[in-house]
Amino acid sequence: MSAEPAAGAAEPPDAPGARRGRVARTAVLVAVFICAACGLVYELALVALGSYLIGDTVGQASIVLSLMVFAMGIGALAAKPLQRWAAPAFAGIELLLALLGGLSVLGLYAAFAWLSLYTPALIATALVLGVLIGAEIPLLMVLLQRIRRQDAGSAVADLFAADYVGGLVGGLAFPFLLLPLFGQVQGALLVGMLNAAAGLALVLTVFRRELSKRATLLLTGASVLVGGVLVGAYLFADDFEVTARQALYADPVVHSQRTPYQDVVLTESVSLAGNHDTRLYLNGDLQFSSVDEYRYHEAMVHPAMAGPHGRVLVLGGGDGLALRELLRYPDVREVTLVELDPAVLALARTDPRLSTLNSHAFEDPRVRTVSADAFSWLRDNRERYDVVLVDMPDADSTATAKLYSAEFYGLVQQVMSEDARVVVQAGSPFFAPKAFWCIEATLRTAGLTTVPYEVSVPSFGEWGFHLGSATGAPPAGAAAGGSALASPGAPQLRLPPDAPPLRSLDAATLQAAATFPPDRSRIPDMQPSTLMHPTILQYAQGEWANY
């Protein structure tokens, strides 16, 4: 006589019910994995968009992450009353999260382009998405327990393991897959579609018996609506981006490109007299106007050339305009230009507007270009140069602040030969005086003697530079002095004897450039900027926010 299984005993592992339970639990954990990946992509998309549009990566990350984590706690508490209807509630939350998360980048871009309400919209978006993401885990825990009861520790371990691995995949997929292949807007929309599909698939298959006919019809209709909105937005995303981008610029956009490093935009306008004005913007910041860029580049390049200049290093300046001025000297033997973004170099070489403006400088055999981060490149470089030009974007973001640090200028000093001269673009002494004088203090901390000067560039306003030397004495054949603001032993601010004809500078004009009005004279006791204490970032963001 065979023994009967005891009442309540677990089914054998190979029993049909046990197999169905394992499949169902696996489906729940896969849904947890996908939802976690999607949730992290939404967070990273908001951070990345803010860094592109606003420039403050640390600030944007702090706002998004802190608000979303806080809101996730609220969402977890808000999910308690929904546990009774865990399956339809989870499906509804996933549809709403997919819709709002998928459209989040598009909506925030619209708020930035047309409404100037980016920060309030970002806060609201982060809070709403956080609440929805926070409600997922409690409901998924209930669904997991309905398949097979297990002790709380084991259930939490299984759920969080899938959640953390999903977060890893989402965190890696965003910068290395979604951004390069689809961009921010379409990448977020694709993730929204995946999010909706994962949530619905779980509920409509594993937990379909828990849904009433009415709930099934409502979820089906909602899924069609959400899917249609996301697909439609995906199809029209390119047109939306073109329209929104044009709203940010006064002149027609003739080239636009989102690279792994920045948003590159070229505009062009034509006056009634037939004069063309080509402008380059990086992350929305004006880099030059073809109408007056010569004033900026003549002021940066030619004072640096009043000494030995056989070998020249340019850090930044990927548009080739400083390069154009350098190559006007026949005794320049070699110019090395280090630019982070290869797309900017390609644009300067191939776009007829830019290549004409830079006089096809990149075709000169004396020029060598390197696509690299200037800070990292300097650390590995062992060559010496007679002239160094530091033509970097303003220090208004975390990424660029390190390029205005004492550590960076110390690396610059190491590549300077004896009697070498360096010129650093330092922003506006009128609009951002603290940032301007902070750069001088930082250069001196790095062991460079300096003399500040400023010129008028109509598209920028008053714009300043610092000329520096690492020797502590003027180059051979020159006399020290020339500016009351020059540090002891600073190089003389002068034009080289062999300077080519210039449009905006002569000896008298350059001498006057070193004289600052009383309300813009040196600010005493400025703190230098370092990697660990990037004071330049605080000054630049605070001062430019007033304009």
Protein backbone atom coordinates (compact mmCIF):
# COMPACT_ATOMS: atom_id res chain seq x y z
CA MET A 1 0.00 0.00 0.00
CA SER A 2 1.56 3.27 -1.16
CA ALA A 3 1.89 6.25 1.18
CA GLU A 4 -0.26 9.35 0.53
CA PRO A 5 1.45 12.78 0.68
CA ALA A 6 0.69 14.66 3.88
CA ALA A 7 -1.82 17.47 3.62
CA GLY A 8 -0.14 20.79 2.90
CA ALA A 9 3.15 19.17 1.81
CA ALA A 10 5.09 20.94 -0.91
CA GLU A 11 4.73 19.62 -4.44
CA PRO A 12 7.65 17.68 -5.89
CA PRO A 13 10.07 19.95 -7.83
CA ASP A 14 9.09 18.33 -11.13
CA ALA A 15 5.34 18.61 -10.54
CA PRO A 16 3.45 20.80 -13.07
CA GLY A 17 2.37 23.24 -10.35
CA ALA A 18 5.92 23.71 -9.09
CA ARG A 19 7.19 24.29 -12.62
CA ARG A 20 4.49 26.90 -13.23
CA GLY A 21 5.43 28.59 -9.98
CA ARG A 22 9.10 28.78 -10.94
CA VAL A 23 8.21 30.22 -14.34
CA ALA A 24 5.91 32.77 -12.75
CA ARG A 25 8.53 33.82 -10.18
CA THR A 26 11.12 34.15 -12.93
CA ALA A 27 8.70 36.37 -14.89
CA VAL A 28 8.25 38.63 -11.86
CA LEU A 29 12.00 38.92 -11.31
CA VAL A 30 12.55 39.69 -15.00
CA ALA A 31 9.95 42.44 -14.70
CA VAL A 32 11.78 43.78 -11.64
CA PHE A 33 15.02 43.75 -13.64
CA ILE A 34 13.51 45.64 -16.58
CA CYS A 35 11.68 48.17 -14.42
CA ALA A 36 14.85 48.91 -12.45
CA ALA A 37 16.83 49.42 -15.65
CA CYS A 38 14.17 51.77 -17.02
CA GLY A 39 13.95 53.72 -13.78
CA LEU A 40 17.68 54.35 -13.68
CA VAL A 41 17.66 55.44 -17.32
CA TYR A 42 14.99 58.03 -16.49
CA GLU A 43 17.18 59.39 -13.68
CA LEU A 44 20.31 59.53 -15.82
CA ALA A 45 18.41 61.13 -18.70
CA LEU A 46 17.31 63.99 -16.45
CA VAL A 47 20.85 64.48 -15.14
CA ALA A 48 22.36 64.40 -18.63
CA LEU A 49 19.79 66.83 -20.05
CA GLY A 50 20.45 69.26 -17.21
CA SER A 51 24.20 69.08 -17.75
CA TYR A 52 23.74 69.84 -21.45
CA LEU A 53 21.25 72.68 -21.00
CA ILE A 54 22.35 74.22 -17.69
CA GLY A 55 25.97 73.06 -17.47
CA ASP A 56 26.08 72.31 -13.74
CA THR A 57 26.46 68.53 -13.69
CA VAL A 58 26.93 68.25 -9.93
CA GLY A 59 24.00 70.53 -9.16
CA GLN A 60 21.70 68.79 -11.63
CA ALA A 61 22.66 65.34 -10.35
CA SER A 62 22.09 66.42 -6.75
CA ILE A 63 18.64 67.82 -7.52
CA VAL A 64 17.48 64.83 -9.54
CA LEU A 65 18.86 62.06 -7.34
CA SER A 66 17.88 63.56 -3.99
CA LEU A 67 14.36 64.41 -5.12
CA MET A 68 13.80 61.04 -6.76
CA VAL A 69 15.07 59.06 -3.77
CA PHE A 70 12.84 61.11 -1.47
CA ALA A 71 9.86 60.64 -3.79
CA MET A 72 10.51 56.89 -4.00
CA GLY A 73 9.95 56.67 -0.26
CA ILE A 74 6.67 58.54 -0.65
CA GLY A 75 5.69 56.21 -3.48
CA ALA A 76 6.41 53.11 -1.39
CA LEU A 77 4.09 54.40 1.34
CA ALA A 78 1.45 55.42 -1.18
CA ALA A 79 1.42 51.88 -2.59
CA LYS A 80 0.16 50.35 0.67
CA PRO A 81 -3.58 50.84 -0.05
CA LEU A 82 -3.06 49.43 -3.55
CA GLN A 83 -1.73 46.06 -2.42
CA ARG A 84 -5.26 44.64 -2.46
CA TRP A 85 -5.36 45.18 -6.20
CA ALA A 86 -1.66 44.63 -6.76
CA ALA A 87 -1.84 43.32 -10.35
CA PRO A 88 -4.01 46.04 -11.96
CA ALA A 89 -2.37 48.72 -9.80
CA PHE A 90 1.10 47.66 -10.94
CA ALA A 91 0.04 47.61 -14.59
CA GLY A 92 -1.51 51.08 -14.28
CA ILE A 93 1.56 52.50 -12.57
CA GLU A 94 3.85 51.07 -15.23
CA LEU A 95 1.76 52.59 -18.02
CA LEU A 96 1.80 55.99 -16.33
CA LEU A 97 5.53 55.73 -15.59
CA ALA A 98 6.24 54.69 -19.17
CA LEU A 99 4.26 57.63 -20.51
CA LEU A 100 5.76 60.27 -18.21
CA GLY A 101 9.27 58.81 -18.17
CA GLY A 102 9.32 58.39 -21.94
CA LEU A 103 8.15 61.97 -22.50
CA SER A 104 10.24 63.48 -19.69
CA VAL A 105 13.21 64.59 -21.80
CA LEU A 106 10.97 65.94 -24.55
CA GLY A 107 8.83 67.86 -22.07
CA LEU A 108 11.78 69.35 -20.20
CA TYR A 109 13.44 70.40 -23.43
CA ALA A 110 10.21 72.16 -24.42
CA ALA A 111 10.07 73.88 -21.02
CA PHE A 112 13.64 75.09 -21.52
CA ALA A 113 13.21 76.22 -25.13
CA TRP A 114 9.86 77.99 -24.97
CA LEU A 115 8.83 78.61 -21.36
CA SER A 116 12.11 79.28 -19.51
CA LEU A 117 10.76 77.06 -16.73
CA TYR A 118 13.34 74.30 -16.80
CA THR A 119 14.18 74.05 -13.09
CA PRO A 120 10.55 74.01 -11.81
CA ALA A 121 9.66 71.48 -14.50
CA LEU A 122 12.68 69.35 -13.56
CA ILE A 123 11.68 69.32 -9.88
CA ALA A 124 8.10 68.33 -10.70
CA THR A 125 9.22 65.62 -13.11
CA ALA A 126 11.73 64.13 -10.68
CA LEU A 127 9.15 64.02 -7.91
CA VAL A 128 6.41 62.39 -10.01
CA LEU A 129 8.74 59.80 -11.53
CA GLY A 130 10.20 59.06 -8.11
CA VAL A 131 6.76 58.40 -6.61
CA LEU A 132 5.87 56.01 -9.43
CA ILE A 133 9.21 54.16 -9.26
CA GLY A 134 8.90 53.88 -5.47
CA ALA A 135 5.47 52.24 -5.77
CA GLU A 136 6.81 49.43 -7.95
CA ILE A 137 8.75 47.37 -5.39
CA PRO A 138 5.95 46.98 -2.77
CA LEU A 139 3.47 45.86 -5.43
CA LEU A 140 5.98 43.48 -7.02
CA MET A 141 6.70 42.03 -3.58
CA VAL A 142 2.99 41.28 -3.14
CA LEU A 143 2.82 39.65 -6.57
CA LEU A 144 5.89 37.57 -5.84
CA GLN A 145 4.42 36.32 -2.57
CA ARG A 146 1.14 35.39 -4.26
CA ILE A 147 2.96 32.89 -6.42
CA ARG A 148 4.61 31.14 -3.49
CA ARG A 149 4.94 32.29 0.08
CA GLN A 150 8.48 32.54 1.39
CA ASP A 151 10.15 34.18 4.34
CA ALA A 152 10.58 37.95 4.07
CA GLY A 153 14.38 37.86 3.99
CA SER A 154 14.54 35.52 1.00
CA ALA A 155 11.85 37.41 -0.91
CA VAL A 156 13.58 40.76 -0.35
CA ALA A 157 16.93 39.26 -1.37
CA ASP A 158 15.51 37.91 -4.65
CA LEU A 159 13.70 41.14 -5.44
CA PHE A 160 16.56 43.49 -4.68
CA ALA A 161 19.10 41.30 -6.48
CA ALA A 162 17.06 41.61 -9.68
CA ASP A 163 16.54 45.32 -8.98
CA TYR A 164 20.25 46.07 -8.51
CA VAL A 165 21.35 44.07 -11.54
CA GLY A 166 18.72 45.92 -13.60
CA GLY A 167 20.09 49.20 -12.31
CA LEU A 168 23.57 48.16 -13.44
CA VAL A 169 22.38 47.32 -16.94
CA GLY A 170 20.34 50.51 -17.23
CA GLY A 171 23.23 52.62 -15.95
CA LEU A 172 25.60 51.20 -18.55
CA ALA A 173 23.10 51.11 -21.40
CA PHE A 174 22.29 54.82 -21.15
CA PRO A 175 25.73 56.33 -21.96
CA PHE A 176 27.10 53.51 -24.12
CA LEU A 177 24.04 52.40 -26.10
CA LEU A 178 21.03 54.70 -25.91
CA LEU A 179 22.77 58.08 -26.17
CA PRO A 180 25.11 57.19 -29.07
CA LEU A 181 22.47 55.34 -31.10
CA PHE A 182 19.23 57.20 -30.37
CA GLY A 183 20.02 60.44 -28.56
CA GLN A 184 18.28 61.69 -25.44
CA VAL A 185 14.75 62.27 -26.69
CA GLN A 186 14.31 59.08 -28.70
CA GLY A 187 16.30 57.03 -26.19
CA ALA A 188 13.91 57.99 -23.37
CA LEU A 189 10.92 57.22 -25.58
CA LEU A 190 12.26 53.75 -26.41
CA VAL A 191 12.80 53.02 -22.72
CA GLY A 192 9.23 54.13 -22.03
CA MET A 193 7.95 51.63 -24.60
CA LEU A 194 10.01 48.86 -23.02
CA ASN A 195 8.78 49.84 -19.56
CA ALA A 196 5.12 49.64 -20.62
CA ALA A 197 5.61 46.34 -22.43
CA ALA A 198 7.32 44.70 -19.46
CA GLY A 199 4.66 45.73 -16.96
CA LEU A 200 1.74 44.76 -19.16
CA ALA A 201 3.26 41.47 -20.23
CA LEU A 202 3.69 40.38 -16.62
CA VAL A 203 0.15 41.29 -15.55
CA LEU A 204 -1.66 40.06 -18.67
CA THR A 205 0.08 36.68 -18.63
CA VAL A 206 1.06 35.58 -15.14
CA PHE A 207 -1.68 37.44 -13.24
CA ARG A 208 -4.43 37.63 -15.84
CA ARG A 209 -6.86 35.70 -13.63
CA GLU A 210 -6.72 38.48 -11.06
CA LEU A 211 -8.09 40.98 -13.57
CA SER A 212 -11.76 41.53 -14.11
CA LYS A 213 -13.05 41.95 -17.65
CA ARG A 214 -13.43 45.66 -17.04
CA ALA A 215 -9.86 45.97 -15.73
CA THR A 216 -8.56 44.03 -18.71
CA LEU A 217 -10.39 46.30 -21.15
CA LEU A 218 -9.20 49.44 -19.36
CA LEU A 219 -5.58 48.28 -19.33
CA THR A 220 -5.76 47.26 -22.99
CA GLY A 221 -7.19 50.63 -24.00
CA ALA A 222 -4.65 52.49 -21.86
CA SER A 223 -1.78 50.47 -23.32
CA VAL A 224 -2.91 51.30 -26.86
CA LEU A 225 -3.13 54.99 -25.95
CA VAL A 226 0.26 55.08 -24.22
CA GLY A 227 1.90 53.07 -26.98
CA GLY A 228 0.42 55.35 -29.63
CA VAL A 229 1.62 58.49 -27.86
CA LEU A 230 5.15 57.13 -27.38
CA VAL A 231 5.44 55.82 -30.94
CA GLY A 232 4.05 59.07 -32.35
CA ALA A 233 6.46 61.11 -30.26
CA TYR A 234 9.32 58.91 -31.43
CA LEU A 235 8.41 59.42 -35.09
CA PHE A 236 8.21 63.20 -34.71
CA ALA A 237 11.15 63.55 -32.30
CA ASP A 238 13.57 64.79 -34.96
CA ASP A 239 11.16 67.50 -36.12
CA PHE A 240 10.55 68.50 -32.52
CA GLU A 241 14.26 68.81 -31.79
CA VAL A 242 14.82 70.98 -34.86
CA THR A 243 11.95 73.29 -33.90
CA ALA A 244 12.94 73.49 -30.23
CA ARG A 245 16.58 74.08 -31.05
CA GLN A 246 15.73 76.88 -33.45
CA ALA A 247 13.67 78.53 -30.70
CA LEU A 248 16.85 78.87 -28.64
CA TYR A 249 18.77 80.79 -31.31
CA ALA A 250 18.01 84.12 -32.94
CA ASP A 251 19.59 83.12 -36.27
CA PRO A 252 18.81 80.14 -38.51
CA VAL A 253 20.49 76.90 -37.43
CA VAL A 254 22.56 75.53 -40.32
CA HIS A 255 24.24 72.67 -38.46
CA SER A 256 23.35 70.83 -35.28
CA GLN A 257 25.00 67.81 -33.73
CA ARG A 258 24.81 66.10 -30.34
CA THR A 259 28.18 64.52 -29.64
CA PRO A 260 29.19 62.40 -26.64
CA TYR A 261 30.63 65.60 -25.12
CA GLN A 262 28.34 68.47 -26.02
CA ASP A 263 25.67 70.00 -28.22
CA VAL A 264 27.29 71.65 -31.26
CA VAL A 265 25.24 74.26 -33.15
CA LEU A 266 26.23 76.49 -36.04
CA THR A 267 23.99 79.41 -37.05
CA GLU A 268 24.20 81.82 -39.95
CA SER A 269 22.41 85.05 -40.75
CA VAL A 270 22.69 87.44 -43.69
CA SER A 271 22.16 91.18 -43.26
CA LEU A 272 20.36 93.37 -45.78
CA ALA A 273 23.79 94.50 -46.97
CA GLY A 274 24.70 90.89 -47.71
CA ASN A 275 27.09 90.41 -44.77
CA HIS A 276 27.18 86.90 -43.30
CA ASP A 277 27.36 86.25 -39.55
CA THR A 278 28.32 82.69 -38.68
CA ARG A 279 28.18 81.73 -35.01
CA LEU A 280 29.30 78.60 -33.19
CA TYR A 281 27.60 77.49 -29.97
CA LEU A 282 28.69 74.69 -27.64
CA ASN A 283 25.99 73.62 -25.18
CA GLY A 284 24.21 76.87 -25.94
CA ASP A 285 27.22 79.09 -25.14
CA LEU A 286 28.47 81.38 -27.91
CA GLN A 287 32.04 80.56 -28.97
CA PHE A 288 32.48 83.16 -31.69
CA SER A 289 30.77 85.39 -34.21
CA SER A 290 32.44 85.66 -37.60
CA VAL A 291 31.78 89.41 -37.55
CA ASP A 292 34.23 90.14 -34.72
CA GLU A 293 36.06 86.91 -33.83
CA TYR A 294 39.28 88.39 -35.21
CA ARG A 295 39.38 90.81 -32.26
CA TYR A 296 39.35 87.92 -29.80
CA HIS A 297 41.85 85.76 -31.63
CA GLU A 298 44.30 88.55 -32.45
CA ALA A 299 44.31 89.54 -28.77
CA MET A 300 44.88 85.96 -27.65
CA VAL A 301 47.54 84.89 -30.13
CA HIS A 302 49.87 87.76 -30.99
CA PRO A 303 50.97 88.89 -27.50
CA ALA A 304 51.99 85.28 -26.88
CA MET A 305 54.19 85.32 -29.97
CA ALA A 306 56.47 88.14 -28.72
CA GLY A 307 59.24 85.71 -27.90
CA PRO A 308 60.40 82.31 -29.18
CA HIS A 309 57.55 80.68 -31.09
CA GLY A 310 58.93 77.80 -33.11
CA ARG A 311 56.80 75.19 -31.34
CA VAL A 312 53.27 76.06 -30.24
CA LEU A 313 50.67 74.17 -28.20
CA VAL A 314 46.97 75.05 -28.41
CA LEU A 315 44.67 73.57 -25.77
CA GLY A 316 41.10 73.84 -27.03
CA GLY A 317 40.45 76.10 -29.99
CA GLY A 318 39.04 73.31 -32.15
CA ASP A 319 37.41 75.83 -34.49
CA GLY A 320 40.88 76.58 -35.93
CA LEU A 321 40.62 80.37 -35.61
CA ALA A 322 43.54 80.77 -33.20
CA LEU A 323 45.39 78.32 -35.42
CA ARG A 324 44.83 80.63 -38.38
CA GLU A 325 46.56 83.49 -36.57
CA LEU A 326 49.48 81.30 -35.48
CA LEU A 327 50.15 80.07 -39.00
CA ARG A 328 50.63 83.65 -40.23
CA TYR A 329 54.14 83.42 -38.75
CA PRO A 330 56.43 81.64 -41.25
CA ASP A 331 58.94 80.70 -38.54
CA VAL A 332 56.36 78.63 -36.64
CA ARG A 333 57.66 75.12 -37.23
CA GLU A 334 55.00 73.04 -35.50
CA VAL A 335 51.61 73.53 -33.88
CA THR A 336 49.97 70.84 -31.75
CA LEU A 337 46.26 71.39 -31.13
CA VAL A 338 44.53 69.33 -28.43
CA GLU A 339 40.73 69.32 -28.71
CA LEU A 340 38.42 67.10 -26.68
CA ASP A 341 35.65 66.68 -29.25
CA PRO A 342 36.65 65.17 -32.60
CA ALA A 343 33.31 66.32 -34.03
CA VAL A 344 34.36 69.96 -33.58
CA LEU A 345 37.63 69.28 -35.42
CA ALA A 346 35.75 67.54 -38.24
CA LEU A 347 33.32 70.45 -38.51
CA ALA A 348 36.14 72.99 -38.64
CA ARG A 349 37.82 71.01 -41.40
CA THR A 350 34.82 70.18 -43.57
CA ASP A 351 32.18 72.85 -43.12
CA PRO A 352 32.80 75.45 -45.84
CA ARG A 353 31.78 78.31 -43.57
CA LEU A 354 34.28 77.36 -40.85
CA SER A 355 37.07 76.19 -43.11
CA THR A 356 36.91 79.48 -45.01
CA LEU A 357 36.92 81.43 -41.76
CA ASN A 358 39.96 79.56 -40.41
CA SER A 359 41.71 79.82 -43.80
CA HIS A 360 41.87 76.00 -44.08
CA ALA A 361 44.34 75.98 -41.22
CA PHE A 362 44.04 72.25 -40.61
CA GLU A 363 45.45 71.53 -44.07
CA ASP A 364 48.77 73.14 -43.14
CA PRO A 365 51.46 70.42 -42.77
CA ARG A 366 52.81 72.16 -39.65
CA VAL A 367 49.61 71.32 -37.76
CA ARG A 368 49.11 68.18 -35.67
CA THR A 369 45.73 67.61 -34.02
CA VAL A 370 45.00 65.39 -31.04
CA SER A 371 41.49 64.41 -29.90
CA ALA A 372 41.92 64.06 -26.17
CA ASP A 373 41.11 65.56 -22.80
CA ALA A 374 43.70 68.32 -22.32
CA PHE A 375 44.24 67.53 -18.64
CA SER A 376 44.97 63.84 -19.28
CA TRP A 377 47.05 64.62 -22.35
CA LEU A 378 49.26 67.05 -20.44
CA ARG A 379 49.92 64.46 -17.75
CA ASP A 380 51.35 62.07 -20.33
CA ASN A 381 53.15 64.65 -22.51
CA ARG A 382 56.94 65.03 -22.28
CA GLU A 383 57.49 67.62 -25.03
CA ARG A 384 58.24 71.33 -24.50
CA TYR A 385 56.71 74.30 -26.27
CA ASP A 386 57.64 77.94 -26.78
CA VAL A 387 54.04 79.19 -26.75
CA VAL A 388 50.95 77.72 -25.07
CA LEU A 389 47.43 79.00 -25.76
CA VAL A 390 44.67 77.86 -23.41
CA ASP A 391 41.46 78.56 -25.30
CA MET A 392 38.87 76.66 -23.28
CA PRO A 393 35.12 77.23 -22.79
CA ASP A 394 34.23 79.26 -19.71
CA ALA A 395 34.46 77.51 -16.35
CA ASP A 396 30.69 77.43 -15.80
CA SER A 397 30.38 73.64 -15.57
CA THR A 398 31.97 70.85 -13.57
CA ALA A 399 33.60 69.43 -16.68
CA THR A 400 35.43 72.65 -17.56
CA ALA A 401 36.28 73.79 -14.01
CA LYS A 402 39.24 71.40 -13.82
CA LEU A 403 40.75 73.19 -16.83
CA TYR A 404 41.02 76.34 -14.69
CA SER A 405 42.59 74.64 -11.66
CA ALA A 406 46.04 75.12 -10.15
CA GLU A 407 46.79 71.49 -10.96
CA PHE A 408 46.00 72.08 -14.64
CA TYR A 409 48.14 75.20 -14.84
CA GLY A 410 50.93 73.30 -13.09
CA LEU A 411 50.81 70.77 -15.92
CA VAL A 412 50.88 73.62 -18.44
CA GLN A 413 53.99 75.04 -16.77
CA GLN A 414 55.75 71.68 -17.10
CA VAL A 415 55.43 71.71 -20.90
CA MET A 416 56.70 75.30 -21.26
CA SER A 417 60.26 75.70 -22.44
CA GLU A 418 62.61 78.35 -21.12
CA ASP A 419 61.29 81.85 -21.96
CA ALA A 420 57.96 80.37 -23.04
CA ARG A 421 54.79 82.44 -22.84
CA VAL A 422 51.24 81.30 -22.14
CA VAL A 423 47.94 83.09 -22.74
CA VAL A 424 44.73 81.98 -21.04
CA GLN A 425 41.30 83.20 -22.06
CA ALA A 426 39.72 84.28 -18.79
CA GLY A 427 36.19 85.44 -19.54
CA SER A 428 34.77 88.88 -18.94
CA PRO A 429 36.30 91.13 -16.27
CA PHE A 430 33.09 93.18 -16.46
CA PHE A 431 30.38 90.50 -16.25
CA ALA A 432 32.38 87.99 -14.17
CA PRO A 433 35.17 89.89 -12.37
CA LYS A 434 35.57 87.37 -9.54
CA ALA A 435 36.04 84.53 -12.02
CA PHE A 436 38.52 86.64 -14.01
CA TRP A 437 40.72 87.47 -11.03
CA CYS A 438 40.36 83.97 -9.61
CA ILE A 439 42.03 82.68 -12.79
CA GLU A 440 44.92 85.07 -12.22
CA ALA A 441 45.29 83.93 -8.60
CA THR A 442 45.25 80.31 -9.76
CA LEU A 443 47.93 80.92 -12.39
CA ARG A 444 50.16 82.55 -9.78
CA THR A 445 49.57 79.66 -7.38
CA ALA A 446 50.86 77.36 -10.12
CA GLY A 447 54.10 79.40 -10.28
CA LEU A 448 53.35 81.57 -13.31
CA THR A 449 53.95 85.31 -13.37
CA THR A 450 51.11 87.14 -15.08
CA VAL A 451 49.86 90.32 -16.65
CA PRO A 452 46.10 90.73 -17.28
CA TYR A 453 44.59 92.57 -20.24
CA GLU A 454 41.20 93.06 -21.87
CA VAL A 455 39.81 93.91 -25.29
CA SER A 456 36.40 94.74 -26.67
CA VAL A 457 34.66 91.97 -28.60
CA PRO A 458 31.16 93.28 -29.43
CA SER A 459 29.45 89.87 -29.49
CA PHE A 460 30.92 89.09 -26.03
CA GLY A 461 31.46 92.50 -24.47
CA GLU A 462 34.70 93.27 -22.64
CA TRP A 463 36.80 90.11 -22.70
CA GLY A 464 39.93 89.35 -20.75
CA PHE A 465 43.11 87.30 -20.96
CA HIS A 466 46.13 86.56 -18.80
CA LEU A 467 49.61 86.49 -20.31
CA GLY A 468 51.99 84.40 -18.25
CA SER A 469 55.58 83.25 -18.03
CA ALA A 470 57.14 80.42 -16.06
CA THR A 471 60.65 81.86 -15.79
CA GLY A 472 59.96 84.57 -13.22
CA ALA A 473 61.66 87.07 -15.54
CA PRO A 474 60.86 88.57 -18.93
CA PRO A 475 61.94 86.70 -22.07
CA ALA A 476 65.37 87.54 -23.40
CA GLY A 477 65.51 90.95 -25.01
CA ALA A 478 62.36 92.25 -23.32
CA ALA A 479 61.90 94.61 -20.45
CA ALA A 480 59.57 93.87 -17.60
CA GLY A 481 56.62 96.04 -16.79
CA GLY A 482 53.99 97.60 -18.97
CA SER A 483 51.09 97.20 -16.53
CA ALA A 484 50.45 98.29 -12.99
CA LEU A 485 48.62 94.99 -12.48
CA ALA A 486 51.48 92.80 -13.71
CA SER A 487 53.08 90.53 -11.14
CA PRO A 488 56.83 90.94 -10.49
CA GLY A 489 58.85 89.45 -13.31
CA ALA A 490 55.81 89.20 -15.59
CA PRO A 491 56.36 89.12 -19.35
CA GLN A 492 55.97 92.39 -21.19
CA LEU A 493 52.67 92.84 -22.96
CA ARG A 494 53.76 93.70 -26.50
CA LEU A 495 53.47 92.63 -30.11
CA PRO A 496 56.32 90.71 -31.76
CA PRO A 497 58.51 92.63 -34.22
CA ASP A 498 57.50 90.25 -37.00
CA ALA A 499 53.75 90.45 -36.31
CA PRO A 500 51.65 90.34 -39.48
CA PRO A 501 49.21 93.18 -40.25
CA LEU A 502 46.45 93.19 -37.64
CA ARG A 503 42.95 94.64 -37.80
CA SER A 504 42.30 95.40 -34.13
CA LEU A 505 45.68 95.66 -32.38
CA ASP A 506 48.70 97.90 -32.51
CA ALA A 507 51.33 98.73 -29.88
CA ALA A 508 49.34 101.58 -28.32
CA THR A 509 46.08 99.61 -28.24
CA LEU A 510 47.73 96.63 -26.60
CA GLN A 511 49.44 98.83 -24.03
CA ALA A 512 46.07 100.39 -23.16
CA ALA A 513 44.51 96.91 -22.87
CA ALA A 514 46.46 96.34 -19.64
CA THR A 515 44.78 99.32 -17.95
CA PHE A 516 41.60 98.42 -16.07
CA PRO A 517 39.05 100.97 -14.84
CA PRO A 518 38.77 101.43 -11.07
CA ASP A 519 35.52 99.48 -10.82
CA ARG A 520 37.13 96.48 -12.54
CA SER A 521 40.60 96.52 -11.02
CA ARG A 522 42.11 93.51 -9.30
CA ILE A 523 40.03 92.02 -6.48
CA PRO A 524 42.40 91.36 -3.58
CA ASP A 525 42.77 88.06 -1.72
CA MET A 526 41.09 85.90 -4.35
CA GLN A 527 41.27 82.20 -3.58
CA PRO A 528 42.81 80.00 -6.29
CA SER A 529 40.75 77.24 -7.83
CA THR A 530 41.86 73.63 -7.35
CA LEU A 531 40.49 70.22 -8.23
CA MET A 532 39.26 69.70 -4.68
CA HIS A 533 38.01 73.28 -4.24
CA PRO A 534 36.81 74.54 -7.65
CA THR A 535 36.10 78.10 -6.54
CA ILE A 536 36.08 79.23 -10.17
CA LEU A 537 32.85 77.26 -10.69
CA GLN A 538 31.09 79.08 -7.88
CA TYR A 539 32.23 82.48 -9.15
CA ALA A 540 31.40 81.82 -12.81
CA GLN A 541 27.95 80.36 -12.17
CA GLY A 542 27.03 83.01 -9.64
CA GLU A 543 28.15 85.98 -11.71
CA TRP A 544 26.84 84.87 -15.10
CA ALA A 545 23.47 84.03 -13.56
CA ASN A 546 22.89 87.79 -13.23
CA TYR A 547 22.99 88.27 -17.03
